[in-house]
Protein backbone atom coordinates (compact mmCIF):
# COMPACT_ATOMS: atom_id res chain seq x y z
CA UNK A 1 0.00 0.00 0.00
CA UNK A 2 1.41 3.37 -1.01
CA UNK A 3 1.61 6.42 1.23
CA UNK A 4 -0.77 9.24 0.42
CA UNK A 5 1.04 11.80 -1.71
CA UNK A 6 -0.17 15.31 -2.51
CA UNK A 7 1.60 17.95 -4.56
CA UNK A 8 2.24 19.98 -1.42
CA UNK A 9 4.14 17.09 0.19
CA UNK A 10 6.58 16.62 -2.70
CA UNK A 11 10.05 17.93 -1.97
CA UNK A 12 12.14 19.85 -4.45
CA UNK A 13 14.37 16.80 -4.87
CA UNK A 14 11.39 14.55 -5.65
CA UNK A 15 10.05 17.07 -8.17
CA UNK A 16 13.45 17.23 -9.88
CA UNK A 17 13.59 13.44 -10.13
CA UNK A 18 10.10 13.19 -11.60
CA UNK A 19 10.83 15.89 -14.17
CA UNK A 20 14.13 14.22 -15.13
CA UNK A 21 12.50 10.81 -15.55
CA UNK A 22 9.77 12.36 -17.70
CA UNK A 23 12.44 13.90 -19.93
CA UNK A 24 14.29 10.58 -20.18
CA UNK A 25 11.16 8.55 -20.93
CA UNK A 26 9.77 9.60 -24.31
CA UNK A 27 6.77 7.49 -25.27
CA UNK A 28 6.98 5.63 -21.97
CA UNK A 29 10.46 4.15 -22.52
CA UNK A 30 11.99 3.09 -19.18
CA UNK A 31 14.77 5.32 -17.86
CA UNK A 32 17.86 3.69 -16.37
CA UNK A 33 19.33 4.75 -13.05
CA UNK A 34 22.57 5.61 -14.83
CA UNK A 35 20.71 7.99 -17.18
CA UNK A 36 18.99 9.65 -14.23
CA UNK A 37 22.29 9.97 -12.36
CA UNK A 38 23.96 11.55 -15.40
CA UNK A 39 21.15 14.05 -16.01
CA UNK A 40 20.90 15.13 -12.37
CA UNK A 41 24.69 14.91 -11.80
CA UNK A 42 24.26 12.55 -8.85
CA UNK A 43 25.86 9.29 -7.79
CA UNK A 44 24.27 5.98 -8.80
CA UNK A 45 23.74 4.90 -5.14
CA UNK A 46 21.89 8.17 -4.40
CA UNK A 47 19.64 7.62 -7.41
CA UNK A 48 18.96 4.01 -6.43
CA UNK A 49 17.88 5.12 -2.98
CA UNK A 50 15.52 7.78 -4.34
CA UNK A 51 14.09 5.39 -6.93
CA UNK A 52 13.19 3.01 -4.11
CA UNK A 53 11.52 5.85 -2.19
CA UNK A 54 9.56 7.05 -5.21
CA UNK A 55 8.42 3.50 -5.89
CA UNK A 56 7.17 3.22 -2.31
CA UNK A 57 5.26 6.48 -2.79
CA UNK A 58 3.57 5.07 -5.87
CA UNK A 59 5.19 7.57 -8.22
CA UNK A 60 7.41 5.08 -10.08
CA UNK A 61 7.35 1.53 -11.30
CA UNK A 62 10.77 -0.07 -11.07
CA UNK A 63 11.59 -3.21 -12.99
CA UNK A 64 15.07 -4.56 -12.08
CA UNK A 65 17.52 -4.44 -15.00
CA UNK A 66 14.94 -2.63 -17.15
CA UNK A 67 14.67 0.79 -15.56
CA UNK A 68 11.90 2.95 -14.15
CA UNK A 69 8.67 4.41 -15.50
CA UNK A 70 6.35 7.01 -14.06
CA UNK A 71 3.03 5.83 -12.72
CA UNK A 72 -0.06 7.87 -13.58
CA UNK A 73 0.38 9.81 -10.32
CA UNK A 74 4.07 10.33 -11.06
CA UNK A 75 3.34 11.51 -14.58
CA UNK A 76 0.76 14.04 -13.36
CA UNK A 77 3.25 15.45 -10.87
CA UNK A 78 6.02 15.58 -13.49
CA UNK A 79 3.82 17.35 -16.04
CA UNK A 80 2.83 19.93 -13.44
CA UNK A 81 6.52 20.75 -12.95
CA UNK A 82 7.21 20.77 -16.69
CA UNK A 83 4.32 23.21 -17.18
CA UNK A 84 5.60 25.49 -14.42
CA UNK A 85 9.16 25.43 -15.76
CA UNK A 86 8.26 26.18 -19.37
CA UNK A 87 5.73 28.88 -18.54
CA UNK A 88 8.27 30.60 -16.31
CA UNK A 89 10.83 30.48 -19.11
CA UNK A 90 8.31 32.01 -21.51
CA UNK A 91 7.39 34.73 -19.02
CA UNK A 92 11.01 35.65 -18.32
CA UNK A 93 11.69 36.08 -22.04
CA UNK A 94 8.43 37.84 -22.93
CA UNK A 95 8.10 40.26 -20.01
CA UNK A 96 11.42 40.50 -18.17
CA UNK A 97 13.86 40.75 -21.06
CA UNK A 98 15.74 37.51 -20.47
CA UNK A 99 17.52 35.87 -23.40
CA UNK A 100 16.67 32.27 -24.21
CA UNK A 101 20.10 31.10 -23.08
CA UNK A 102 19.65 32.51 -19.54
CA UNK A 103 16.17 31.33 -18.57
CA UNK A 104 16.75 27.65 -17.75
CA UNK A 105 18.64 28.04 -14.44
CA UNK A 106 16.26 30.82 -13.34
CA UNK A 107 13.24 28.63 -14.07
CA UNK A 108 14.88 25.71 -12.22
CA UNK A 109 14.93 27.86 -9.08
CA UNK A 110 11.56 29.55 -9.47
CA UNK A 111 9.51 26.49 -10.43
CA UNK A 112 9.70 25.19 -6.86
CA UNK A 113 8.88 28.52 -5.20
CA UNK A 114 6.00 30.14 -7.08
CA UNK A 115 2.38 29.30 -6.37
CA UNK A 116 0.00 27.62 -8.81
CA UNK A 117 -2.02 30.86 -8.82
CA UNK A 118 0.99 32.87 -9.99
CA UNK A 119 1.86 30.30 -12.67
CA UNK A 120 -1.67 30.40 -14.05
CA UNK A 121 -1.63 34.21 -14.08
CA UNK A 122 1.58 34.01 -16.07
CA UNK A 123 -0.19 31.72 -18.52
CA UNK A 124 -3.03 34.22 -18.92
CA UNK A 125 -0.63 37.14 -19.37
CA UNK A 126 1.23 35.18 -22.06
CA UNK A 127 -2.00 34.23 -23.86
CA UNK A 128 -1.72 30.52 -22.97
CA UNK A 129 1.32 29.70 -25.15
CA UNK A 130 1.70 26.18 -26.53
CA UNK A 131 5.53 26.20 -26.51
CA UNK A 132 8.35 27.76 -24.49
CA UNK A 133 11.22 29.87 -25.94
CA UNK A 134 13.07 26.71 -27.03
CA UNK A 135 10.03 25.26 -28.79
CA UNK A 136 9.31 22.68 -26.09
CA UNK A 137 5.56 22.02 -25.73
CA UNK A 138 3.88 23.38 -22.60
CA UNK A 139 1.41 20.96 -20.97
CA UNK A 140 -2.01 22.49 -20.40
CA UNK A 141 -3.51 22.94 -16.93
CA UNK A 142 -5.07 19.46 -17.15
CA UNK A 143 -1.71 17.82 -17.83
CA UNK A 144 -2.29 17.23 -21.53
CA UNK A 145 0.83 17.78 -23.62
CA UNK A 146 0.89 17.93 -27.40
CA UNK A 147 4.22 16.55 -28.51
CA UNK A 148 5.17 17.90 -31.92
CA UNK A 149 6.58 15.69 -34.66
CA UNK A 150 10.09 16.80 -35.53
CA UNK A 151 13.06 15.68 -37.60
CA UNK A 152 16.66 16.56 -36.62
CA UNK A 153 18.34 18.97 -39.01
CA UNK A 154 21.11 16.40 -39.37
CA UNK A 155 18.62 14.11 -41.14
CA UNK A 156 17.23 16.70 -43.58
CA UNK A 157 18.13 16.16 -47.23
CA UNK A 158 20.32 18.66 -49.07
CA UNK A 159 18.16 21.19 -50.90
CA UNK A 160 15.19 20.79 -48.56
CA UNK A 161 13.70 23.84 -46.83
CA UNK A 162 12.30 23.34 -43.31
CA UNK A 163 11.19 25.30 -40.27
CA UNK A 164 13.10 24.98 -37.01
CA UNK A 165 10.46 23.92 -34.51
CA UNK A 166 12.42 23.05 -31.38
CA UNK A 167 15.96 23.35 -30.02
CA UNK A 168 16.80 20.45 -27.71
CA UNK A 169 19.69 22.12 -25.94
CA UNK A 170 20.18 23.81 -22.53
CA UNK A 171 23.87 24.75 -22.59
CA UNK A 172 23.94 28.59 -22.48
CA UNK A 173 27.00 28.95 -24.72
CA UNK A 174 25.53 26.72 -27.42
CA UNK A 175 22.19 28.55 -27.26
CA UNK A 176 23.94 31.91 -27.61
CA UNK A 177 25.90 30.57 -30.56
CA UNK A 178 22.76 29.30 -32.29
CA UNK A 179 20.91 32.52 -31.49
CA UNK A 180 23.67 34.63 -33.03
CA UNK A 181 23.19 32.71 -36.28
CA UNK A 182 19.42 33.15 -36.12
CA UNK A 183 18.82 29.42 -35.67
CA UNK A 184 15.81 29.66 -33.37
CA UNK A 185 12.28 28.17 -33.38
CA UNK A 186 10.09 29.58 -36.13
CA UNK A 187 12.96 30.31 -38.53
CA UNK A 188 12.98 28.76 -42.01
CA UNK A 189 16.28 27.25 -43.19
CA UNK A 190 17.51 25.47 -46.29
CA UNK A 191 20.10 22.70 -46.12
CA UNK A 192 22.78 23.52 -48.69
CA UNK A 193 25.39 20.86 -48.00
CA UNK A 194 26.09 17.92 -45.70
CA UNK A 195 29.45 16.22 -45.48
CA UNK A 196 29.53 12.41 -45.04
CA UNK A 197 30.58 10.41 -41.98
CA UNK A 198 29.11 12.82 -39.45
CA UNK A 199 30.64 15.89 -41.06
CA UNK A 200 29.26 19.43 -40.85
CA UNK A 201 25.92 20.55 -42.23
CA UNK A 202 25.70 23.85 -44.13
CA UNK A 203 22.42 25.75 -43.85
CA UNK A 204 21.14 28.99 -45.29
CA UNK A 205 19.04 31.29 -43.11
CA UNK A 206 17.99 34.82 -44.05
CA UNK A 207 20.41 34.79 -46.99
CA UNK A 208 23.43 33.78 -44.93
CA UNK A 209 25.15 30.40 -44.82
CA UNK A 210 26.38 28.74 -41.64
CA UNK A 211 28.23 25.49 -41.05
CA UNK A 212 27.17 23.35 -38.09
CA UNK A 213 28.80 20.33 -36.53
CA UNK A 214 26.77 17.13 -36.52
CA UNK A 215 26.10 17.37 -32.78
CA UNK A 216 24.48 20.80 -33.09
CA UNK A 217 22.59 19.74 -36.19
CA UNK A 218 20.97 16.97 -34.13
CA UNK A 219 19.57 19.37 -31.49
CA UNK A 220 17.83 21.53 -34.10
CA UNK A 221 14.50 19.78 -34.55
CA UNK A 222 12.60 20.74 -37.68
CA UNK A 223 9.13 20.50 -39.17
CA UNK A 224 9.15 18.82 -42.56
CA UNK A 225 6.19 18.25 -44.84
CA UNK A 226 5.76 14.84 -43.25
CA UNK A 227 5.80 16.30 -39.71
CA UNK A 228 3.14 18.95 -40.32
C-alpha atoms as a PDB file:
ATOM      1  CA  UNK A   1       0.000   0.000   0.000  1.00  0.00           C
ATOM      2  CA  UNK A   2       1.411   3.372  -1.011  1.00  0.00           C
ATOM      3  CA  UNK A   3       1.608   6.415   1.228  1.00  0.00           C
ATOM      4  CA  UNK A   4      -0.770   9.244   0.422  1.00  0.00           C
ATOM      5  CA  UNK A   5       1.038  11.804  -1.709  1.00  0.00           C
ATOM      6  CA  UNK A   6      -0.165  15.306  -2.509  1.00  0.00           C
ATOM      7  CA  UNK A   7       1.604  17.951  -4.561  1.00  0.00           C
ATOM      8  CA  UNK A   8       2.244  19.977  -1.417  1.00  0.00           C
ATOM      9  CA  UNK A   9       4.141  17.088   0.187  1.00  0.00           C
ATOM     10  CA  UNK A  10       6.580  16.620  -2.700  1.00  0.00           C
ATOM     11  CA  UNK A  11      10.054  17.935  -1.967  1.00  0.00           C
ATOM     12  CA  UNK A  12      12.144  19.851  -4.452  1.00  0.00           C
ATOM     13  CA  UNK A  13      14.373  16.800  -4.872  1.00  0.00           C
ATOM     14  CA  UNK A  14      11.385  14.551  -5.652  1.00  0.00           C
ATOM     15  CA  UNK A  15      10.050  17.066  -8.168  1.00  0.00           C
ATOM     16  CA  UNK A  16      13.447  17.232  -9.883  1.00  0.00           C
ATOM     17  CA  UNK A  17      13.590  13.440 -10.126  1.00  0.00           C
ATOM     18  CA  UNK A  18      10.098  13.190 -11.605  1.00  0.00           C
ATOM     19  CA  UNK A  19      10.834  15.886 -14.165  1.00  0.00           C
ATOM     20  CA  UNK A  20      14.125  14.220 -15.126  1.00  0.00           C
ATOM     21  CA  UNK A  21      12.500  10.813 -15.548  1.00  0.00           C
ATOM     22  CA  UNK A  22       9.768  12.364 -17.699  1.00  0.00           C
ATOM     23  CA  UNK A  23      12.437  13.897 -19.927  1.00  0.00           C
ATOM     24  CA  UNK A  24      14.289  10.577 -20.180  1.00  0.00           C
ATOM     25  CA  UNK A  25      11.161   8.547 -20.933  1.00  0.00           C
ATOM     26  CA  UNK A  26       9.766   9.605 -24.313  1.00  0.00           C
ATOM     27  CA  UNK A  27       6.775   7.485 -25.272  1.00  0.00           C
ATOM     28  CA  UNK A  28       6.982   5.632 -21.969  1.00  0.00           C
ATOM     29  CA  UNK A  29      10.456   4.146 -22.521  1.00  0.00           C
ATOM     30  CA  UNK A  30      11.992   3.091 -19.185  1.00  0.00           C
ATOM     31  CA  UNK A  31      14.773   5.323 -17.856  1.00  0.00           C
ATOM     32  CA  UNK A  32      17.857   3.688 -16.372  1.00  0.00           C
ATOM     33  CA  UNK A  33      19.329   4.745 -13.047  1.00  0.00           C
ATOM     34  CA  UNK A  34      22.574   5.614 -14.830  1.00  0.00           C
ATOM     35  CA  UNK A  35      20.712   7.990 -17.176  1.00  0.00           C
ATOM     36  CA  UNK A  36      18.993   9.646 -14.227  1.00  0.00           C
ATOM     37  CA  UNK A  37      22.292   9.966 -12.363  1.00  0.00           C
ATOM     38  CA  UNK A  38      23.963  11.547 -15.400  1.00  0.00           C
ATOM     39  CA  UNK A  39      21.151  14.054 -16.009  1.00  0.00           C
ATOM     40  CA  UNK A  40      20.900  15.126 -12.375  1.00  0.00           C
ATOM     41  CA  UNK A  41      24.688  14.913 -11.802  1.00  0.00           C
ATOM     42  CA  UNK A  42      24.262  12.546  -8.852  1.00  0.00           C
ATOM     43  CA  UNK A  43      25.860   9.286  -7.795  1.00  0.00           C
ATOM     44  CA  UNK A  44      24.266   5.983  -8.796  1.00  0.00           C
ATOM     45  CA  UNK A  45      23.739   4.905  -5.144  1.00  0.00           C
ATOM     46  CA  UNK A  46      21.895   8.167  -4.405  1.00  0.00           C
ATOM     47  CA  UNK A  47      19.642   7.621  -7.405  1.00  0.00           C
ATOM     48  CA  UNK A  48      18.956   4.009  -6.432  1.00  0.00           C
ATOM     49  CA  UNK A  49      17.876   5.124  -2.978  1.00  0.00           C
ATOM     50  CA  UNK A  50      15.519   7.779  -4.342  1.00  0.00           C
ATOM     51  CA  UNK A  51      14.094   5.388  -6.931  1.00  0.00           C
ATOM     52  CA  UNK A  52      13.190   3.007  -4.114  1.00  0.00           C
ATOM     53  CA  UNK A  53      11.523   5.847  -2.188  1.00  0.00           C
ATOM     54  CA  UNK A  54       9.557   7.052  -5.206  1.00  0.00           C
ATOM     55  CA  UNK A  55       8.421   3.503  -5.892  1.00  0.00           C
ATOM     56  CA  UNK A  56       7.165   3.219  -2.309  1.00  0.00           C
ATOM     57  CA  UNK A  57       5.255   6.477  -2.787  1.00  0.00           C
ATOM     58  CA  UNK A  58       3.565   5.066  -5.866  1.00  0.00           C
ATOM     59  CA  UNK A  59       5.186   7.574  -8.222  1.00  0.00           C
ATOM     60  CA  UNK A  60       7.406   5.082 -10.078  1.00  0.00           C
ATOM     61  CA  UNK A  61       7.345   1.530 -11.305  1.00  0.00           C
ATOM     62  CA  UNK A  62      10.766  -0.067 -11.075  1.00  0.00           C
ATOM     63  CA  UNK A  63      11.594  -3.213 -12.985  1.00  0.00           C
ATOM     64  CA  UNK A  64      15.074  -4.557 -12.081  1.00  0.00           C
ATOM     65  CA  UNK A  65      17.524  -4.436 -15.000  1.00  0.00           C
ATOM     66  CA  UNK A  66      14.941  -2.628 -17.148  1.00  0.00           C
ATOM     67  CA  UNK A  67      14.668   0.794 -15.559  1.00  0.00           C
ATOM     68  CA  UNK A  68      11.896   2.953 -14.148  1.00  0.00           C
ATOM     69  CA  UNK A  69       8.670   4.414 -15.498  1.00  0.00           C
ATOM     70  CA  UNK A  70       6.354   7.013 -14.063  1.00  0.00           C
ATOM     71  CA  UNK A  71       3.030   5.833 -12.723  1.00  0.00           C
ATOM     72  CA  UNK A  72      -0.057   7.868 -13.577  1.00  0.00           C
ATOM     73  CA  UNK A  73       0.378   9.805 -10.319  1.00  0.00           C
ATOM     74  CA  UNK A  74       4.067  10.334 -11.064  1.00  0.00           C
ATOM     75  CA  UNK A  75       3.338  11.509 -14.583  1.00  0.00           C
ATOM     76  CA  UNK A  76       0.760  14.037 -13.360  1.00  0.00           C
ATOM     77  CA  UNK A  77       3.255  15.454 -10.868  1.00  0.00           C
ATOM     78  CA  UNK A  78       6.015  15.576 -13.489  1.00  0.00           C
ATOM     79  CA  UNK A  79       3.825  17.349 -16.043  1.00  0.00           C
ATOM     80  CA  UNK A  80       2.835  19.934 -13.440  1.00  0.00           C
ATOM     81  CA  UNK A  81       6.520  20.753 -12.951  1.00  0.00           C
ATOM     82  CA  UNK A  82       7.207  20.766 -16.694  1.00  0.00           C
ATOM     83  CA  UNK A  83       4.318  23.207 -17.177  1.00  0.00           C
ATOM     84  CA  UNK A  84       5.599  25.491 -14.422  1.00  0.00           C
ATOM     85  CA  UNK A  85       9.157  25.433 -15.763  1.00  0.00           C
ATOM     86  CA  UNK A  86       8.263  26.176 -19.365  1.00  0.00           C
ATOM     87  CA  UNK A  87       5.725  28.883 -18.539  1.00  0.00           C
ATOM     88  CA  UNK A  88       8.271  30.599 -16.309  1.00  0.00           C
ATOM     89  CA  UNK A  89      10.833  30.483 -19.115  1.00  0.00           C
ATOM     90  CA  UNK A  90       8.310  32.014 -21.515  1.00  0.00           C
ATOM     91  CA  UNK A  91       7.390  34.729 -19.023  1.00  0.00           C
ATOM     92  CA  UNK A  92      11.015  35.646 -18.324  1.00  0.00           C
ATOM     93  CA  UNK A  93      11.689  36.082 -22.038  1.00  0.00           C
ATOM     94  CA  UNK A  94       8.433  37.844 -22.929  1.00  0.00           C
ATOM     95  CA  UNK A  95       8.099  40.260 -20.010  1.00  0.00           C
ATOM     96  CA  UNK A  96      11.423  40.504 -18.172  1.00  0.00           C
ATOM     97  CA  UNK A  97      13.862  40.753 -21.062  1.00  0.00           C
ATOM     98  CA  UNK A  98      15.744  37.510 -20.473  1.00  0.00           C
ATOM     99  CA  UNK A  99      17.518  35.867 -23.401  1.00  0.00           C
ATOM    100  CA  UNK A 100      16.670  32.267 -24.208  1.00  0.00           C
ATOM    101  CA  UNK A 101      20.101  31.102 -23.076  1.00  0.00           C
ATOM    102  CA  UNK A 102      19.651  32.509 -19.545  1.00  0.00           C
ATOM    103  CA  UNK A 103      16.165  31.326 -18.568  1.00  0.00           C
ATOM    104  CA  UNK A 104      16.752  27.649 -17.752  1.00  0.00           C
ATOM    105  CA  UNK A 105      18.637  28.045 -14.438  1.00  0.00           C
ATOM    106  CA  UNK A 106      16.260  30.818 -13.336  1.00  0.00           C
ATOM    107  CA  UNK A 107      13.243  28.629 -14.071  1.00  0.00           C
ATOM    108  CA  UNK A 108      14.876  25.713 -12.223  1.00  0.00           C
ATOM    109  CA  UNK A 109      14.930  27.855  -9.082  1.00  0.00           C
ATOM    110  CA  UNK A 110      11.559  29.549  -9.471  1.00  0.00           C
ATOM    111  CA  UNK A 111       9.508  26.486 -10.428  1.00  0.00           C
ATOM    112  CA  UNK A 112       9.699  25.187  -6.857  1.00  0.00           C
ATOM    113  CA  UNK A 113       8.882  28.517  -5.200  1.00  0.00           C
ATOM    114  CA  UNK A 114       6.001  30.136  -7.078  1.00  0.00           C
ATOM    115  CA  UNK A 115       2.379  29.302  -6.372  1.00  0.00           C
ATOM    116  CA  UNK A 116       0.005  27.622  -8.805  1.00  0.00           C
ATOM    117  CA  UNK A 117      -2.020  30.858  -8.816  1.00  0.00           C
ATOM    118  CA  UNK A 118       0.992  32.874  -9.990  1.00  0.00           C
ATOM    119  CA  UNK A 119       1.859  30.303 -12.668  1.00  0.00           C
ATOM    120  CA  UNK A 120      -1.671  30.396 -14.046  1.00  0.00           C
ATOM    121  CA  UNK A 121      -1.631  34.211 -14.083  1.00  0.00           C
ATOM    122  CA  UNK A 122       1.584  34.007 -16.074  1.00  0.00           C
ATOM    123  CA  UNK A 123      -0.187  31.715 -18.523  1.00  0.00           C
ATOM    124  CA  UNK A 124      -3.035  34.217 -18.921  1.00  0.00           C
ATOM    125  CA  UNK A 125      -0.625  37.142 -19.372  1.00  0.00           C
ATOM    126  CA  UNK A 126       1.226  35.175 -22.056  1.00  0.00           C
ATOM    127  CA  UNK A 127      -2.003  34.230 -23.856  1.00  0.00           C
ATOM    128  CA  UNK A 128      -1.721  30.516 -22.968  1.00  0.00           C
ATOM    129  CA  UNK A 129       1.322  29.696 -25.154  1.00  0.00           C
ATOM    130  CA  UNK A 130       1.701  26.183 -26.526  1.00  0.00           C
ATOM    131  CA  UNK A 131       5.528  26.201 -26.505  1.00  0.00           C
ATOM    132  CA  UNK A 132       8.353  27.758 -24.493  1.00  0.00           C
ATOM    133  CA  UNK A 133      11.221  29.867 -25.942  1.00  0.00           C
ATOM    134  CA  UNK A 134      13.073  26.705 -27.032  1.00  0.00           C
ATOM    135  CA  UNK A 135      10.027  25.264 -28.793  1.00  0.00           C
ATOM    136  CA  UNK A 136       9.311  22.677 -26.092  1.00  0.00           C
ATOM    137  CA  UNK A 137       5.555  22.016 -25.729  1.00  0.00           C
ATOM    138  CA  UNK A 138       3.877  23.376 -22.601  1.00  0.00           C
ATOM    139  CA  UNK A 139       1.410  20.956 -20.970  1.00  0.00           C
ATOM    140  CA  UNK A 140      -2.008  22.486 -20.395  1.00  0.00           C
ATOM    141  CA  UNK A 141      -3.513  22.945 -16.933  1.00  0.00           C
ATOM    142  CA  UNK A 142      -5.071  19.464 -17.151  1.00  0.00           C
ATOM    143  CA  UNK A 143      -1.708  17.821 -17.832  1.00  0.00           C
ATOM    144  CA  UNK A 144      -2.287  17.225 -21.525  1.00  0.00           C
ATOM    145  CA  UNK A 145       0.833  17.777 -23.621  1.00  0.00           C
ATOM    146  CA  UNK A 146       0.893  17.928 -27.403  1.00  0.00           C
ATOM    147  CA  UNK A 147       4.222  16.550 -28.511  1.00  0.00           C
ATOM    148  CA  UNK A 148       5.173  17.897 -31.918  1.00  0.00           C
ATOM    149  CA  UNK A 149       6.575  15.689 -34.656  1.00  0.00           C
ATOM    150  CA  UNK A 150      10.089  16.798 -35.527  1.00  0.00           C
ATOM    151  CA  UNK A 151      13.064  15.681 -37.599  1.00  0.00           C
ATOM    152  CA  UNK A 152      16.663  16.563 -36.616  1.00  0.00           C
ATOM    153  CA  UNK A 153      18.336  18.968 -39.007  1.00  0.00           C
ATOM    154  CA  UNK A 154      21.111  16.401 -39.368  1.00  0.00           C
ATOM    155  CA  UNK A 155      18.616  14.114 -41.144  1.00  0.00           C
ATOM    156  CA  UNK A 156      17.226  16.703 -43.581  1.00  0.00           C
ATOM    157  CA  UNK A 157      18.132  16.159 -47.226  1.00  0.00           C
ATOM    158  CA  UNK A 158      20.324  18.656 -49.070  1.00  0.00           C
ATOM    159  CA  UNK A 159      18.159  21.193 -50.899  1.00  0.00           C
ATOM    160  CA  UNK A 160      15.192  20.789 -48.557  1.00  0.00           C
ATOM    161  CA  UNK A 161      13.695  23.843 -46.825  1.00  0.00           C
ATOM    162  CA  UNK A 162      12.303  23.339 -43.314  1.00  0.00           C
ATOM    163  CA  UNK A 163      11.195  25.303 -40.270  1.00  0.00           C
ATOM    164  CA  UNK A 164      13.098  24.980 -37.009  1.00  0.00           C
ATOM    165  CA  UNK A 165      10.463  23.923 -34.507  1.00  0.00           C
ATOM    166  CA  UNK A 166      12.418  23.049 -31.377  1.00  0.00           C
ATOM    167  CA  UNK A 167      15.959  23.354 -30.016  1.00  0.00           C
ATOM    168  CA  UNK A 168      16.801  20.446 -27.710  1.00  0.00           C
ATOM    169  CA  UNK A 169      19.694  22.121 -25.935  1.00  0.00           C
ATOM    170  CA  UNK A 170      20.184  23.810 -22.526  1.00  0.00           C
ATOM    171  CA  UNK A 171      23.866  24.753 -22.594  1.00  0.00           C
ATOM    172  CA  UNK A 172      23.938  28.589 -22.484  1.00  0.00           C
ATOM    173  CA  UNK A 173      27.001  28.954 -24.716  1.00  0.00           C
ATOM    174  CA  UNK A 174      25.529  26.724 -27.417  1.00  0.00           C
ATOM    175  CA  UNK A 175      22.193  28.547 -27.260  1.00  0.00           C
ATOM    176  CA  UNK A 176      23.937  31.906 -27.606  1.00  0.00           C
ATOM    177  CA  UNK A 177      25.902  30.565 -30.562  1.00  0.00           C
ATOM    178  CA  UNK A 178      22.761  29.296 -32.294  1.00  0.00           C
ATOM    179  CA  UNK A 179      20.907  32.519 -31.492  1.00  0.00           C
ATOM    180  CA  UNK A 180      23.670  34.633 -33.032  1.00  0.00           C
ATOM    181  CA  UNK A 181      23.187  32.710 -36.285  1.00  0.00           C
ATOM    182  CA  UNK A 182      19.418  33.148 -36.123  1.00  0.00           C
ATOM    183  CA  UNK A 183      18.822  29.420 -35.670  1.00  0.00           C
ATOM    184  CA  UNK A 184      15.815  29.657 -33.367  1.00  0.00           C
ATOM    185  CA  UNK A 185      12.284  28.174 -33.382  1.00  0.00           C
ATOM    186  CA  UNK A 186      10.093  29.576 -36.134  1.00  0.00           C
ATOM    187  CA  UNK A 187      12.964  30.308 -38.527  1.00  0.00           C
ATOM    188  CA  UNK A 188      12.983  28.758 -42.012  1.00  0.00           C
ATOM    189  CA  UNK A 189      16.281  27.254 -43.189  1.00  0.00           C
ATOM    190  CA  UNK A 190      17.514  25.468 -46.291  1.00  0.00           C
ATOM    191  CA  UNK A 191      20.102  22.703 -46.119  1.00  0.00           C
ATOM    192  CA  UNK A 192      22.775  23.519 -48.690  1.00  0.00           C
ATOM    193  CA  UNK A 193      25.387  20.857 -47.997  1.00  0.00           C
ATOM    194  CA  UNK A 194      26.093  17.919 -45.704  1.00  0.00           C
ATOM    195  CA  UNK A 195      29.452  16.217 -45.476  1.00  0.00           C
ATOM    196  CA  UNK A 196      29.528  12.412 -45.045  1.00  0.00           C
ATOM    197  CA  UNK A 197      30.580  10.409 -41.980  1.00  0.00           C
ATOM    198  CA  UNK A 198      29.109  12.822 -39.450  1.00  0.00           C
ATOM    199  CA  UNK A 199      30.645  15.885 -41.057  1.00  0.00           C
ATOM    200  CA  UNK A 200      29.265  19.426 -40.854  1.00  0.00           C
ATOM    201  CA  UNK A 201      25.919  20.553 -42.234  1.00  0.00           C
ATOM    202  CA  UNK A 202      25.702  23.850 -44.130  1.00  0.00           C
ATOM    203  CA  UNK A 203      22.424  25.745 -43.847  1.00  0.00           C
ATOM    204  CA  UNK A 204      21.141  28.986 -45.292  1.00  0.00           C
ATOM    205  CA  UNK A 205      19.043  31.285 -43.113  1.00  0.00           C
ATOM    206  CA  UNK A 206      17.995  34.821 -44.054  1.00  0.00           C
ATOM    207  CA  UNK A 207      20.411  34.791 -46.994  1.00  0.00           C
ATOM    208  CA  UNK A 208      23.434  33.776 -44.933  1.00  0.00           C
ATOM    209  CA  UNK A 209      25.154  30.404 -44.816  1.00  0.00           C
ATOM    210  CA  UNK A 210      26.382  28.738 -41.642  1.00  0.00           C
ATOM    211  CA  UNK A 211      28.234  25.495 -41.045  1.00  0.00           C
ATOM    212  CA  UNK A 212      27.173  23.354 -38.091  1.00  0.00           C
ATOM    213  CA  UNK A 213      28.803  20.326 -36.530  1.00  0.00           C
ATOM    214  CA  UNK A 214      26.766  17.131 -36.520  1.00  0.00           C
ATOM    215  CA  UNK A 215      26.098  17.374 -32.781  1.00  0.00           C
ATOM    216  CA  UNK A 216      24.476  20.802 -33.085  1.00  0.00           C
ATOM    217  CA  UNK A 217      22.593  19.736 -36.193  1.00  0.00           C
ATOM    218  CA  UNK A 218      20.968  16.970 -34.131  1.00  0.00           C
ATOM    219  CA  UNK A 219      19.568  19.367 -31.486  1.00  0.00           C
ATOM    220  CA  UNK A 220      17.832  21.529 -34.101  1.00  0.00           C
ATOM    221  CA  UNK A 221      14.498  19.776 -34.554  1.00  0.00           C
ATOM    222  CA  UNK A 222      12.598  20.737 -37.675  1.00  0.00           C
ATOM    223  CA  UNK A 223       9.135  20.504 -39.168  1.00  0.00           C
ATOM    224  CA  UNK A 224       9.149  18.815 -42.559  1.00  0.00           C
ATOM    225  CA  UNK A 225       6.186  18.250 -44.844  1.00  0.00           C
ATOM    226  CA  UNK A 226       5.760  14.842 -43.252  1.00  0.00           C
ATOM    227  CA  UNK A 227       5.798  16.304 -39.713  1.00  0.00           C
ATOM    228  CA  UNK A 228       3.141  18.946 -40.319  1.00  0.00           C
END
